[in-house]
Amino acid sequence: MPLQTVLTGTDYLSVQDVERITARIAKDHHVSSDHATKILNGTIEFLKLSAQYPKQRFVPSEEIDIGWHTLLLYTRVYRQLCQKLGANFIDHEPSDGDIRVPKGGSAKTVEFMQKNEIIYDHDLWPERNINDCQADPCNCTGDGYTSQIATA
């Protein structure tokens, strides 16, 4: 089921949690508060995508990965978010040999969203040529991470 609108962090998190997390993103990554908010919103959209399509493996863009890393620091909030999205827990797995990054990296995630008419913030997903990603799938994401729904 495609997303109809770009969501906001407060659709799933308290105002206080959104403020804390966006302040952390802004401070740690030297971006404006508005851009930090976009990153958080895009990260929640990415996690929602992962929850809605649990058999797929998705690779985040660099900015989405920043938001994901920051959310993971707030373990209580992250766990509750995953549950609100309908997933027990969404694993964040580095690609360090034993986990294969899907060919095409984050470009493949964008292709999936476009094919399924899922609305996403294009500013957070730079255009990548999937063919460029075939030779080295890690060159099309922040650091080769994939999402996977935990089954336990």
C-alpha atoms as a PDB file:
ATOM      1  CA  MET A   1       0.000   0.000   0.000  1.00  0.00           C
ATOM      2  CA  PRO A   2       1.737   3.210  -1.144  1.00  0.00           C
ATOM      3  CA  LEU A   3       2.296   6.135   1.176  1.00  0.00           C
ATOM      4  CA  GLN A   4      -0.029   8.972   0.192  1.00  0.00           C
ATOM      5  CA  THR A   5       1.832  11.924   1.715  1.00  0.00           C
ATOM      6  CA  VAL A   6       5.233  12.611   3.156  1.00  0.00           C
ATOM      7  CA  LEU A   7       4.782  12.001   6.856  1.00  0.00           C
ATOM      8  CA  THR A   8       6.085  14.006   9.778  1.00  0.00           C
ATOM      9  CA  GLY A   9       7.938  12.745  12.830  1.00  0.00           C
ATOM     10  CA  THR A  10       5.025  13.661  15.080  1.00  0.00           C
ATOM     11  CA  ASP A  11       2.859  11.170  13.178  1.00  0.00           C
ATOM     12  CA  TYR A  12       4.750   8.494  15.140  1.00  0.00           C
ATOM     13  CA  LEU A  13       6.799  10.221  17.863  1.00  0.00           C
ATOM     14  CA  SER A  14       6.053  12.696  20.621  1.00  0.00           C
ATOM     15  CA  VAL A  15       6.877  16.345  19.993  1.00  0.00           C
ATOM     16  CA  GLN A  16       9.520  16.106  22.727  1.00  0.00           C
ATOM     17  CA  ASP A  17      11.196  13.102  21.086  1.00  0.00           C
ATOM     18  CA  VAL A  18      11.140  14.784  17.657  1.00  0.00           C
ATOM     19  CA  GLU A  19      12.754  17.889  19.131  1.00  0.00           C
ATOM     20  CA  ARG A  20      15.454  15.870  20.926  1.00  0.00           C
ATOM     21  CA  ILE A  21      16.304  13.742  17.917  1.00  0.00           C
ATOM     22  CA  THR A  22      16.314  16.565  15.372  1.00  0.00           C
ATOM     23  CA  ALA A  23      18.478  18.694  17.692  1.00  0.00           C
ATOM     24  CA  ARG A  24      20.941  15.791  17.890  1.00  0.00           C
ATOM     25  CA  ILE A  25      21.005  15.351  14.106  1.00  0.00           C
ATOM     26  CA  ALA A  26      21.537  19.105  13.601  1.00  0.00           C
ATOM     27  CA  LYS A  27      24.324  19.293  16.191  1.00  0.00           C
ATOM     28  CA  ASP A  28      26.183  16.106  15.229  1.00  0.00           C
ATOM     29  CA  HIS A  29      25.955  16.624  11.458  1.00  0.00           C
ATOM     30  CA  HIS A  30      26.103  20.423  11.223  1.00  0.00           C
ATOM     31  CA  VAL A  31      22.788  20.840   9.408  1.00  0.00           C
ATOM     32  CA  SER A  32      19.948  23.283   9.992  1.00  0.00           C
ATOM     33  CA  SER A  33      17.053  22.379  12.248  1.00  0.00           C
ATOM     34  CA  ASP A  34      14.759  22.299   9.210  1.00  0.00           C
ATOM     35  CA  HIS A  35      17.061  19.899   7.381  1.00  0.00           C
ATOM     36  CA  ALA A  36      17.408  17.724  10.490  1.00  0.00           C
ATOM     37  CA  THR A  37      13.604  17.522  10.572  1.00  0.00           C
ATOM     38  CA  LYS A  38      13.579  16.422   6.907  1.00  0.00           C
ATOM     39  CA  ILE A  39      16.161  13.759   7.711  1.00  0.00           C
ATOM     40  CA  LEU A  40      14.112  12.413  10.631  1.00  0.00           C
ATOM     41  CA  ASN A  41      10.905  12.401   8.588  1.00  0.00           C
ATOM     42  CA  GLY A  42      12.648  10.624   5.716  1.00  0.00           C
ATOM     43  CA  THR A  43      14.151   8.078   8.083  1.00  0.00           C
ATOM     44  CA  ILE A  44      10.733   7.254   9.517  1.00  0.00           C
ATOM     45  CA  GLU A  45       9.395   6.901   5.954  1.00  0.00           C
ATOM     46  CA  PHE A  46      12.253   4.497   5.182  1.00  0.00           C
ATOM     47  CA  LEU A  47      11.540   2.453   8.313  1.00  0.00           C
ATOM     48  CA  LYS A  48       7.841   2.398   7.447  1.00  0.00           C
ATOM     49  CA  LEU A  49       8.757   1.096   3.993  1.00  0.00           C
ATOM     50  CA  SER A  50      10.861  -1.628   5.629  1.00  0.00           C
ATOM     51  CA  ALA A  51       7.971  -2.566   7.922  1.00  0.00           C
ATOM     52  CA  GLN A  52       5.434  -2.640   5.069  1.00  0.00           C
ATOM     53  CA  TYR A  53       7.620  -4.857   2.871  1.00  0.00           C
ATOM     54  CA  PRO A  54       9.366  -7.172   5.375  1.00  0.00           C
ATOM     55  CA  LYS A  55      10.612  -9.636   2.742  1.00  0.00           C
ATOM     56  CA  GLN A  56      12.539  -6.889   0.929  1.00  0.00           C
ATOM     57  CA  ARG A  57      15.962  -5.598   1.900  1.00  0.00           C
ATOM     58  CA  PHE A  58      16.341  -1.862   1.526  1.00  0.00           C
ATOM     59  CA  VAL A  59      19.454   0.305   1.543  1.00  0.00           C
ATOM     60  CA  PRO A  60      19.186   3.871   2.879  1.00  0.00           C
ATOM     61  CA  SER A  61      20.681   6.978   1.312  1.00  0.00           C
ATOM     62  CA  GLU A  62      23.512   8.645   3.235  1.00  0.00           C
ATOM     63  CA  GLU A  63      21.173  11.152   4.881  1.00  0.00           C
ATOM     64  CA  ILE A  64      18.594   8.513   5.783  1.00  0.00           C
ATOM     65  CA  ASP A  65      21.398   6.492   7.357  1.00  0.00           C
ATOM     66  CA  ILE A  66      22.342   9.529   9.475  1.00  0.00           C
ATOM     67  CA  GLY A  67      18.780   9.662  10.786  1.00  0.00           C
ATOM     68  CA  TRP A  68      18.704   5.924  11.380  1.00  0.00           C
ATOM     69  CA  HIS A  69      21.960   5.995  13.357  1.00  0.00           C
ATOM     70  CA  THR A  70      20.622   8.849  15.463  1.00  0.00           C
ATOM     71  CA  LEU A  71      17.287   7.115  16.119  1.00  0.00           C
ATOM     72  CA  LEU A  72      19.167   4.025  17.268  1.00  0.00           C
ATOM     73  CA  LEU A  73      20.786   6.094  20.032  1.00  0.00           C
ATOM     74  CA  TYR A  74      17.297   6.551  21.510  1.00  0.00           C
ATOM     75  CA  THR A  75      16.613   2.848  22.005  1.00  0.00           C
ATOM     76  CA  ARG A  76      13.279   3.207  23.807  1.00  0.00           C
ATOM     77  CA  VAL A  77      11.956   5.590  21.156  1.00  0.00           C
ATOM     78  CA  TYR A  78      13.319   3.405  18.325  1.00  0.00           C
ATOM     79  CA  ARG A  79      11.770   0.217  19.734  1.00  0.00           C
ATOM     80  CA  GLN A  80       8.387   1.940  20.180  1.00  0.00           C
ATOM     81  CA  LEU A  81       8.585   3.407  16.670  1.00  0.00           C
ATOM     82  CA  CYS A  82       9.238  -0.014  15.145  1.00  0.00           C
ATOM     83  CA  GLN A  83       6.228  -1.395  16.995  1.00  0.00           C
ATOM     84  CA  LYS A  84       4.010   1.503  15.860  1.00  0.00           C
ATOM     85  CA  LEU A  85       5.109   0.802  12.295  1.00  0.00           C
ATOM     86  CA  GLY A  86       3.966  -2.808  12.672  1.00  0.00           C
ATOM     87  CA  ALA A  87       7.384  -4.403  13.032  1.00  0.00           C
ATOM     88  CA  ASN A  88       8.767  -6.088  16.113  1.00  0.00           C
ATOM     89  CA  PHE A  89      12.149  -4.475  15.437  1.00  0.00           C
ATOM     90  CA  ILE A  90      13.894  -3.315  12.262  1.00  0.00           C
ATOM     91  CA  ASP A  91      17.506  -4.454  12.257  1.00  0.00           C
ATOM     92  CA  HIS A  92      20.261  -2.171  11.039  1.00  0.00           C
ATOM     93  CA  GLU A  93      22.887  -4.461   9.577  1.00  0.00           C
ATOM     94  CA  PRO A  94      26.272  -3.343   8.281  1.00  0.00           C
ATOM     95  CA  SER A  95      27.541  -4.916   5.100  1.00  0.00           C
ATOM     96  CA  ASP A  96      30.867  -6.227   6.283  1.00  0.00           C
ATOM     97  CA  GLY A  97      31.122  -9.436   4.339  1.00  0.00           C
ATOM     98  CA  ASP A  98      28.462 -11.667   5.838  1.00  0.00           C
ATOM     99  CA  ILE A  99      25.483  -9.454   4.911  1.00  0.00           C
ATOM    100  CA  ARG A 100      24.986  -8.843   1.207  1.00  0.00           C
ATOM    101  CA  VAL A 101      23.869  -5.409   0.116  1.00  0.00           C
ATOM    102  CA  PRO A 102      21.201  -5.710  -2.578  1.00  0.00           C
ATOM    103  CA  LYS A 103      22.647  -4.931  -6.004  1.00  0.00           C
ATOM    104  CA  GLY A 104      21.957  -1.323  -6.812  1.00  0.00           C
ATOM    105  CA  GLY A 105      22.242  -0.098  -3.223  1.00  0.00           C
ATOM    106  CA  SER A 106      20.084   2.898  -2.367  1.00  0.00           C
ATOM    107  CA  ALA A 107      19.291   3.381  -6.071  1.00  0.00           C
ATOM    108  CA  LYS A 108      17.413   0.073  -5.926  1.00  0.00           C
ATOM    109  CA  THR A 109      15.435   1.369  -2.931  1.00  0.00           C
ATOM    110  CA  VAL A 110      14.459   4.462  -4.952  1.00  0.00           C
ATOM    111  CA  GLU A 111      13.505   2.263  -7.911  1.00  0.00           C
ATOM    112  CA  PHE A 112      11.269   0.192  -5.609  1.00  0.00           C
ATOM    113  CA  MET A 113       9.581   3.309  -4.208  1.00  0.00           C
ATOM    114  CA  GLN A 114       8.977   4.701  -7.696  1.00  0.00           C
ATOM    115  CA  LYS A 115       7.660   1.397  -9.041  1.00  0.00           C
ATOM    116  CA  ASN A 116       5.233   1.111  -6.108  1.00  0.00           C
ATOM    117  CA  GLU A 117       4.218   4.801  -6.264  1.00  0.00           C
ATOM    118  CA  ILE A 118       5.514   5.493  -2.782  1.00  0.00           C
ATOM    119  CA  ILE A 119       5.969   9.194  -2.099  1.00  0.00           C
ATOM    120  CA  TYR A 120       9.378  10.112  -0.707  1.00  0.00           C
ATOM    121  CA  ASP A 121      11.498  13.238  -0.236  1.00  0.00           C
ATOM    122  CA  HIS A 122      13.671  13.395  -3.358  1.00  0.00           C
ATOM    123  CA  ASP A 123      16.132  15.768  -1.646  1.00  0.00           C
ATOM    124  CA  LEU A 124      17.136  12.946   0.707  1.00  0.00           C
ATOM    125  CA  TRP A 125      17.626  10.392  -2.079  1.00  0.00           C
ATOM    126  CA  PRO A 126      20.167  11.713  -4.630  1.00  0.00           C
ATOM    127  CA  GLU A 127      19.797  10.306  -8.102  1.00  0.00           C
ATOM    128  CA  ARG A 128      22.026   7.321  -8.686  1.00  0.00           C
ATOM    129  CA  ASN A 129      22.464   5.261 -11.768  1.00  0.00           C
ATOM    130  CA  ILE A 130      21.674   1.653 -10.870  1.00  0.00           C
ATOM    131  CA  ASN A 131      24.171   0.420 -13.460  1.00  0.00           C
ATOM    132  CA  ASP A 132      26.928   2.309 -11.631  1.00  0.00           C
ATOM    133  CA  CYS A 133      25.914   0.470  -8.470  1.00  0.00           C
ATOM    134  CA  GLN A 134      26.129  -3.018  -9.969  1.00  0.00           C
ATOM    135  CA  ALA A 135      29.915  -3.208  -9.836  1.00  0.00           C
ATOM    136  CA  ASP A 136      30.159  -1.892  -6.280  1.00  0.00           C
ATOM    137  CA  PRO A 137      26.824  -1.839  -4.460  1.00  0.00           C
ATOM    138  CA  CYS A 138      28.318  -0.033  -1.486  1.00  0.00           C
ATOM    139  CA  ASN A 139      29.078   3.077  -3.561  1.00  0.00           C
ATOM    140  CA  CYS A 140      25.381   3.901  -3.616  1.00  0.00           C
ATOM    141  CA  THR A 141      24.654   4.155   0.086  1.00  0.00           C
ATOM    142  CA  GLY A 142      26.024   5.720   3.223  1.00  0.00           C
ATOM    143  CA  ASP A 143      27.952   2.673   4.365  1.00  0.00           C
ATOM    144  CA  GLY A 144      26.298  -0.439   3.023  1.00  0.00           C
ATOM    145  CA  TYR A 145      23.571  -0.922   5.618  1.00  0.00           C
ATOM    146  CA  THR A 146      20.376  -2.786   4.952  1.00  0.00           C
ATOM    147  CA  SER A 147      17.108  -3.032   6.779  1.00  0.00           C
ATOM    148  CA  GLN A 148      15.614  -6.319   7.809  1.00  0.00           C
ATOM    149  CA  ILE A 149      12.688  -7.112  10.046  1.00  0.00           C
ATOM    150  CA  ALA A 150      13.617  -9.150  13.110  1.00  0.00           C
ATOM    151  CA  THR A 151      11.469 -12.231  13.401  1.00  0.00           C
ATOM    152  CA  ALA A 152      11.805 -12.848  17.136  1.00  0.00           C
END
